[in-house]
Protein backbone atom coordinates (compact mmCIF):
# COMPACT_ATOMS: atom_id res chain seq x y z
CA MET A 1 88.75 38.00 -26.60
CA ALA A 2 86.95 39.16 -23.40
CA ALA A 3 88.71 41.63 -20.98
CA LEU A 4 89.90 39.90 -17.63
CA VAL A 5 87.36 42.10 -15.63
CA GLU A 6 84.50 40.78 -17.82
CA LYS A 7 85.67 37.26 -17.32
CA ILE A 8 85.66 37.99 -13.39
CA ALA A 9 82.05 39.37 -13.58
CA LYS A 10 81.00 36.46 -15.63
CA GLN A 11 82.40 34.12 -13.42
CA ALA A 12 81.05 35.83 -10.40
CA LEU A 13 77.61 35.36 -12.02
CA LEU A 14 78.11 31.64 -12.40
CA THR A 15 79.64 31.54 -8.62
CA PHE A 16 76.76 33.38 -7.17
CA ASP A 17 73.72 32.48 -8.97
CA PHE A 18 71.47 31.98 -6.17
CA ALA A 19 68.48 31.27 -8.38
CA SER A 20 70.02 27.91 -9.42
CA PRO A 21 69.17 24.73 -7.64
CA HIS A 22 72.93 23.67 -7.87
CA TRP A 23 74.59 26.92 -6.92
CA GLU A 24 75.31 25.86 -3.35
CA ARG A 25 76.71 22.47 -4.59
CA SER A 26 79.02 24.15 -7.08
CA LEU A 27 80.07 27.18 -4.92
CA LYS A 28 83.35 25.84 -3.80
CA ASP A 29 84.52 25.07 -7.50
CA ASN A 30 83.20 28.26 -8.98
CA PHE A 31 84.53 30.35 -6.25
CA GLY A 32 87.82 28.96 -6.96
CA LYS A 33 87.86 30.07 -10.39
CA LEU A 34 86.51 33.27 -9.51
CA THR A 35 89.61 33.58 -7.13
CA SER A 36 92.04 32.34 -9.87
CA PHE A 37 90.78 35.17 -12.43
CA MET A 38 91.09 37.69 -9.57
CA ASN A 39 94.52 36.71 -8.75
CA GLN A 40 95.73 37.72 -12.24
CA LEU A 41 93.92 41.04 -12.02
CA THR A 42 96.34 44.39 -12.06
CA TYR A 43 95.62 47.88 -12.11
CA ARG A 44 96.54 47.83 -15.98
CA ASP A 45 93.28 45.76 -16.83
CA VAL A 46 90.87 48.28 -15.19
CA ASN A 47 92.70 51.29 -16.97
CA ILE A 48 93.70 53.17 -13.83
CA GLU A 49 96.92 54.59 -12.57
CA PRO A 50 98.39 54.38 -9.16
CA ARG A 51 97.76 57.60 -7.35
CA THR A 52 100.73 59.24 -5.37
CA GLU A 53 99.77 63.17 -4.76
CA GLU A 54 96.66 63.80 -2.75
CA LYS A 55 95.24 67.04 -1.58
CA GLN A 56 94.93 66.76 2.46
CA PRO A 57 91.24 67.60 3.64
CA ARG A 58 90.74 70.44 5.96
CA ARG A 59 90.58 69.72 9.79
CA SER A 60 88.48 71.05 12.27
CA LEU A 61 89.45 72.27 15.69
CA ARG A 62 89.81 68.75 17.27
CA GLY A 63 91.91 67.66 14.33
CA ARG A 64 89.08 65.43 12.79
CA PRO A 65 88.29 65.58 8.82
CA VAL A 66 85.51 68.17 7.84
CA SER A 67 83.16 66.35 5.23
CA SER A 68 81.76 68.76 2.80
CA GLN A 69 81.60 69.05 -0.95
CA ASP A 70 84.83 70.85 -0.94
CA ASP A 71 87.05 68.28 1.18
CA PRO A 72 88.33 65.15 -0.52
CA ALA A 73 86.60 62.10 0.82
CA PRO A 74 89.11 59.37 2.24
CA VAL A 75 87.52 56.72 0.13
CA THR A 76 86.61 56.71 -3.57
CA TYR A 77 84.23 54.00 -5.13
CA MET A 78 84.11 53.22 -8.88
CA PRO A 79 80.85 51.08 -9.56
CA ILE A 80 81.70 48.42 -12.43
CA CYS A 81 78.74 46.16 -12.19
CA ASN A 82 75.70 46.15 -9.91
CA HIS A 83 73.54 42.83 -10.31
CA GLU A 84 70.81 41.27 -8.43
CA PHE A 85 73.24 38.62 -7.34
CA PHE A 86 76.53 40.60 -6.92
CA THR A 87 78.39 43.80 -6.84
CA MET A 88 81.69 44.61 -8.64
CA GLY A 89 83.67 47.91 -7.78
CA ILE A 90 87.11 49.59 -7.18
CA PHE A 91 87.80 51.13 -3.91
CA LEU A 92 90.54 53.83 -4.05
CA VAL A 93 91.81 54.79 -0.25
CA LYS A 94 94.01 57.33 0.35
CA GLY A 95 97.27 57.19 1.96
CA GLY A 96 96.69 56.69 5.71
CA GLU A 97 93.12 56.34 5.43
CA ARG A 98 90.84 53.50 6.25
CA ILE A 99 87.75 51.71 5.87
CA PRO A 100 86.65 51.38 9.27
CA LEU A 101 85.59 48.09 11.02
CA HIS A 102 82.48 46.86 9.10
CA ASP A 103 80.41 43.60 8.32
CA HIS A 104 79.15 41.96 5.37
CA PRO A 105 75.79 40.14 6.59
CA ASP A 106 75.59 36.71 5.15
CA MET A 107 77.56 37.64 2.23
CA HIS A 108 80.64 36.39 0.43
CA GLY A 109 83.52 38.44 -1.03
CA VAL A 110 86.56 38.47 -2.88
CA CYS A 111 89.22 41.63 -2.75
CA LYS A 112 92.19 42.03 -4.88
CA VAL A 113 94.86 44.70 -4.43
CA LEU A 114 95.24 46.66 -7.32
CA TYR A 115 98.15 48.83 -6.37
CA GLY A 116 99.58 50.14 -3.05
CA THR A 117 99.61 48.26 0.13
CA VAL A 118 96.54 47.53 2.81
CA SER A 119 96.66 46.23 6.28
CA ILE A 120 93.18 44.25 6.82
CA ARG A 121 92.27 43.36 10.50
CA SER A 122 89.22 41.09 10.30
CA TYR A 123 87.03 38.59 12.78
CA ASN A 124 85.27 35.70 12.48
CA ARG A 125 81.37 35.62 13.54
CA LEU A 126 80.63 33.00 15.92
CA ASP A 127 78.07 30.49 14.60
CA PRO A 128 75.21 30.22 17.02
CA SER A 129 74.03 27.02 15.13
CA ALA A 130 77.63 25.54 15.94
CA ASN A 131 76.89 25.32 19.84
CA GLY A 132 73.72 23.33 19.18
CA THR A 133 71.80 23.78 22.38
CA GLN A 134 74.68 25.73 24.01
CA PRO A 135 73.78 29.27 25.30
CA PRO A 136 75.54 32.05 23.75
CA PRO A 137 79.01 33.20 25.26
CA PRO A 138 78.28 35.05 28.75
CA LEU A 139 78.91 38.76 28.56
CA PRO A 140 82.31 39.62 30.51
CA ASP A 141 82.99 42.57 32.67
CA PHE A 142 84.44 45.43 30.46
CA ASP A 143 86.98 48.02 31.50
CA THR A 144 83.83 50.42 31.26
CA PRO A 145 80.71 49.54 32.37
CA LEU A 146 78.21 49.55 29.74
CA PRO A 147 74.56 50.64 29.62
CA PRO A 148 71.82 47.94 28.82
CA TRP A 149 71.32 49.29 25.18
CA GLN A 150 74.75 49.16 24.36
CA ARG A 151 75.19 45.57 25.69
CA ASN A 152 72.44 44.78 23.22
CA SER A 153 74.51 46.09 20.51
CA LEU A 154 77.48 43.75 21.04
CA VAL A 155 78.66 40.82 18.67
CA ALA A 156 80.69 38.01 19.71
CA CYS A 157 83.43 37.00 17.40
CA THR A 158 87.03 35.22 17.30
CA ALA A 159 90.09 37.13 15.84
CA ASN A 160 91.07 36.02 11.98
CA GLY A 161 94.42 37.83 12.56
CA GLN A 162 95.66 40.67 10.53
CA LEU A 163 96.90 40.58 6.63
CA GLN A 164 99.16 43.04 4.93
CA LEU A 165 98.62 42.84 1.03
CA ASP A 166 99.80 44.47 -2.04
CA GLU A 167 99.33 43.78 -5.75
CA ASN A 168 101.41 40.94 -5.70
CA SER A 169 99.45 39.18 -3.03
CA GLU A 170 96.52 36.64 -3.89
CA ALA A 171 93.22 37.92 -3.42
CA CYS A 172 91.55 37.99 0.08
CA VAL A 173 88.34 36.05 0.67
CA LEU A 174 85.72 36.45 3.13
CA GLU A 175 82.83 34.22 3.90
CA PRO A 176 79.33 34.66 5.79
CA LEU A 177 81.04 34.01 9.16
CA ARG A 178 84.87 33.72 8.41
CA GLY A 179 86.59 37.21 7.94
CA ASN A 180 83.09 38.92 7.70
CA LEU A 181 84.05 42.02 9.87
CA HIS A 182 87.06 43.64 8.86
CA GLU A 183 88.74 47.03 8.84
CA ILE A 184 91.02 48.14 5.69
CA VAL A 185 93.86 50.70 5.93
CA ALA A 186 95.99 51.91 3.17
CA VAL A 187 99.31 51.99 4.40
CA ASP A 188 102.47 53.66 2.94
CA GLY A 189 100.50 55.73 0.31
CA PRO A 190 97.36 55.28 -1.50
CA ALA A 191 96.16 52.11 -2.19
CA ALA A 192 93.11 50.70 -4.58
CA PHE A 193 91.46 47.25 -4.80
CA LEU A 194 88.80 45.58 -6.56
CA ASP A 195 86.01 44.21 -4.55
CA VAL A 196 83.44 41.56 -5.51
CA LEU A 197 80.38 40.90 -2.86
CA ALA A 198 77.52 38.76 -3.06
CA PRO A 199 74.61 38.89 -2.70
CA PRO A 200 74.79 42.83 -2.68
CA TYR A 201 74.29 44.92 0.42
CA ASP A 202 70.32 46.16 0.81
CA HIS A 203 70.35 49.62 1.95
CA ASP A 204 66.74 50.05 1.51
CA GLY A 205 65.95 48.30 4.77
CA SER A 206 63.85 45.47 3.07
CA THR A 207 66.50 42.88 5.02
CA ASP A 208 69.18 43.01 7.28
CA ARG A 209 71.80 43.04 4.90
CA ASP A 210 72.80 46.62 5.56
CA CYS A 211 76.59 47.65 6.22
CA HIS A 212 76.81 48.22 10.06
CA TYR A 213 79.90 49.67 11.57
CA TYR A 214 81.77 48.32 14.83
CA ARG A 215 84.32 49.01 17.51
CA PRO A 216 85.94 46.61 19.73
CA VAL A 217 85.26 47.03 23.37
CA THR A 218 87.93 45.81 26.00
CA PRO A 219 87.09 43.22 28.38
CA VAL A 220 88.81 43.37 32.01
CA LYS A 221 91.08 40.65 31.02
CA ASP A 222 94.17 41.91 29.32
CA PRO A 223 93.86 42.07 25.53
CA ALA A 224 97.58 41.02 25.16
CA GLN A 225 96.58 37.68 27.19
CA LEU A 226 93.73 36.96 24.57
CA GLN A 227 94.18 33.74 22.65
CA GLU A 228 93.55 33.43 19.05
CA ASP A 229 90.19 31.18 19.87
CA ASP A 230 88.98 33.47 22.71
CA VAL A 231 85.83 35.41 22.41
CA HIS A 232 86.08 39.29 21.33
CA TRP A 233 83.38 41.70 21.37
CA LEU A 234 82.59 44.17 18.92
CA MET A 235 79.92 47.01 19.45
CA ARG A 236 77.66 48.47 16.52
CA ILE A 237 78.22 52.11 16.48
CA SER A 238 76.97 55.00 13.92
CA GLN A 239 79.49 55.44 10.69
CA PRO A 240 82.33 57.02 11.99
CA ARG A 241 82.30 60.93 11.38
CA ASP A 242 85.81 60.71 9.88
CA PHE A 243 84.93 58.32 7.08
CA TRP A 244 82.80 59.12 3.95
CA CYS A 245 83.21 58.10 0.14
CA ASP A 246 82.70 59.75 -2.92
CA ALA A 247 82.47 58.33 -6.61
CA GLU A 248 84.29 58.35 -9.98
CA PRO A 249 83.21 56.63 -13.22
CA TYR A 250 85.08 53.40 -13.91
CA PRO A 251 87.14 53.97 -16.69
CA GLY A 252 88.14 50.33 -17.66
CA PRO A 253 86.52 47.96 -20.06
CA SER A 254 82.92 47.66 -20.37
CA VAL A 255 81.49 44.53 -18.34
CA SER A 256 77.87 42.86 -19.49
CA VAL A 257 76.54 40.08 -17.72
């Protein structure tokens, strides 16, 4: 009998077979089957154990982590499957650490917590096509005036709320517009989750499907008065200095698609 993780990979291939003329029409049904498999997944299915003890990274004089080969990375990645249509792997996040606010351009994704607890704050991209001939939202006045080059790096979004997920929670889903920008924080200790993304990131620059990082910028309006459907503004930034990722081999059942 095929391992559950291989069933997930094979279902991901069916779900995100972008070469198929029918993939868009069958996306909803296949996506439902994929999340159903993901909801059954535990850390035992991928042969990992919850991690508890962690060596603390060295700190610089300013209290920021110093990234070097001698320091443990805040996040470790275990690649499981790299396919032209999707990628699948496990992220292990040390307690109190985070994967900073980032995007998934034109991508779908499913995330299932394997152990620990994570808090996910996400945003929805505003769809320019939804406005028809309406112009994009006007830029507000910000608490700190922004130079033109920073104003050109702004992305308009709406808030998608904040979730707290553990191993008993159902899989979390992101779409090209909904939940597409998010930050993931491990709370109350280390956490791990399995992630399926499609299509994969394109880090070689041939498309704009690379990972970008953001920070919220605050308009003059009191943030506490912002409504759920109000426009939030995120500014693209460089990768934060206190975030880096290392890799470990995946120890679970082999996957072939």
